Structures are given as structure tokens and as C-alpha cells.
C-alpha atoms as a PDB file:
ATOM      1  CA  UNK A   1     104.518 102.520  91.316  1.00  0.00           C
ATOM      2  CA  UNK A   2     105.129  99.215  91.823  1.00  0.00           C
ATOM      3  CA  UNK A   3     102.708  96.359  89.899  1.00  0.00           C
ATOM      4  CA  UNK A   4     102.368  92.741  91.731  1.00  0.00           C
ATOM      5  CA  UNK A   5     100.683  89.996  90.582  1.00  0.00           C
ATOM      6  CA  UNK A   6      99.975  85.920  90.503  1.00  0.00           C
ATOM      7  CA  UNK A   7     101.721  85.946  87.699  1.00  0.00           C
ATOM      8  CA  UNK A   8     104.724  87.777  87.341  1.00  0.00           C
ATOM      9  CA  UNK A   9     104.921  88.198  83.743  1.00  0.00           C
ATOM     10  CA  UNK A  10     101.815  89.380  83.365  1.00  0.00           C
ATOM     11  CA  UNK A  11     102.978  92.136  86.194  1.00  0.00           C
ATOM     12  CA  UNK A  12     106.540  92.796  84.767  1.00  0.00           C
ATOM     13  CA  UNK A  13     104.030  93.232  80.812  1.00  0.00           C
ATOM     14  CA  UNK A  14     101.998  95.692  82.987  1.00  0.00           C
ATOM     15  CA  UNK A  15     104.847  97.499  84.505  1.00  0.00           C
ATOM     16  CA  UNK A  16     106.300  97.955  81.334  1.00  0.00           C
ATOM     17  CA  UNK A  17     103.611 100.098  79.674  1.00  0.00           C
ATOM     18  CA  UNK A  18     104.747 103.094  82.735  1.00  0.00           C
ATOM     19  CA  UNK A  19     108.153 105.040  82.654  1.00  0.00           C
ATOM     20  CA  UNK A  20     108.447 104.249  86.441  1.00  0.00           C
ATOM     21  CA  UNK A  21     106.854 101.412  87.344  1.00  0.00           C
ATOM     22  CA  UNK A  22     108.197  98.564  88.615  1.00  0.00           C
ATOM     23  CA  UNK A  23     106.810  95.042  89.137  1.00  0.00           C
ATOM     24  CA  UNK A  24     107.419  92.785  92.673  1.00  0.00           C
ATOM     25  CA  UNK A  25     105.321  90.351  94.211  1.00  0.00           C
ATOM     26  CA  UNK A  26     102.046  91.104  94.871  1.00  0.00           C
ATOM     27  CA  UNK A  27     102.496  91.127  99.546  1.00  0.00           C
ATOM     28  CA  UNK A  28     105.622  93.278  98.260  1.00  0.00           C
ATOM     29  CA  UNK A  29     103.523  95.866  96.564  1.00  0.00           C
ATOM     30  CA  UNK A  30     100.980  96.297  99.123  1.00  0.00           C
ATOM     31  CA  UNK A  31     103.161  96.547 102.126  1.00  0.00           C
ATOM     32  CA  UNK A  32     104.775  99.418 100.381  1.00  0.00           C
ATOM     33  CA  UNK A  33     101.950 101.730  99.070  1.00  0.00           C
ATOM     34  CA  UNK A  34      99.719 103.925 100.471  1.00  0.00           C
ATOM     35  CA  UNK A  35      96.970 103.063  97.923  1.00  0.00           C
ATOM     36  CA  UNK A  36      95.623  99.336  96.359  1.00  0.00           C
ATOM     37  CA  UNK A  37      94.406  99.209  93.251  1.00  0.00           C
ATOM     38  CA  UNK A  38      92.684  95.807  92.862  1.00  0.00           C
ATOM     39  CA  UNK A  39      90.883  94.241  89.653  1.00  0.00           C
ATOM     40  CA  UNK A  40      89.849  90.642  89.644  1.00  0.00           C
ATOM     41  CA  UNK A  41      87.096  87.935  89.036  1.00  0.00           C
ATOM     42  CA  UNK A  42      88.407  86.474  92.405  1.00  0.00           C
ATOM     43  CA  UNK A  43      85.379  84.903  94.320  1.00  0.00           C
ATOM     44  CA  UNK A  44      87.719  84.892  97.359  1.00  0.00           C
ATOM     45  CA  UNK A  45      89.561  88.019  98.670  1.00  0.00           C
ATOM     46  CA  UNK A  46      92.899  88.242  97.636  1.00  0.00           C
ATOM     47  CA  UNK A  47      93.851  90.821 100.733  1.00  0.00           C
ATOM     48  CA  UNK A  48      93.485  90.031 104.205  1.00  0.00           C
ATOM     49  CA  UNK A  49      93.314  93.123 106.118  1.00  0.00           C
ATOM     50  CA  UNK A  50      95.811  93.601 109.251  1.00  0.00           C
END
């Protein structure tokens, strides 16, 4: 499991709560994923469909 986030410190803190998780950039996390979960209050898309 890879946790990606705009704030690297927060992504690392979340990843630290799971024994098999690591933290990286959002791009790296999404590129290597079969499933992407996104929780955001953003008013514009944060992921582009390719």
C-alpha cells in the first residue's frame, strides 16, 4: 500500500499507522495502483483521467 498526499508529512503520518504502507507522491501512488481511493474537499479534480 502506498499513501500519497500533497503534504508529505501528513502522508507519512498516515502510512505509519499501517504496518505495510509507505508514503510517496500522489503521482507515484496512483501510477502503481489497481485501486485509488481519494478523500478530498477539493472543488476541482485532483486526478486526471488518462
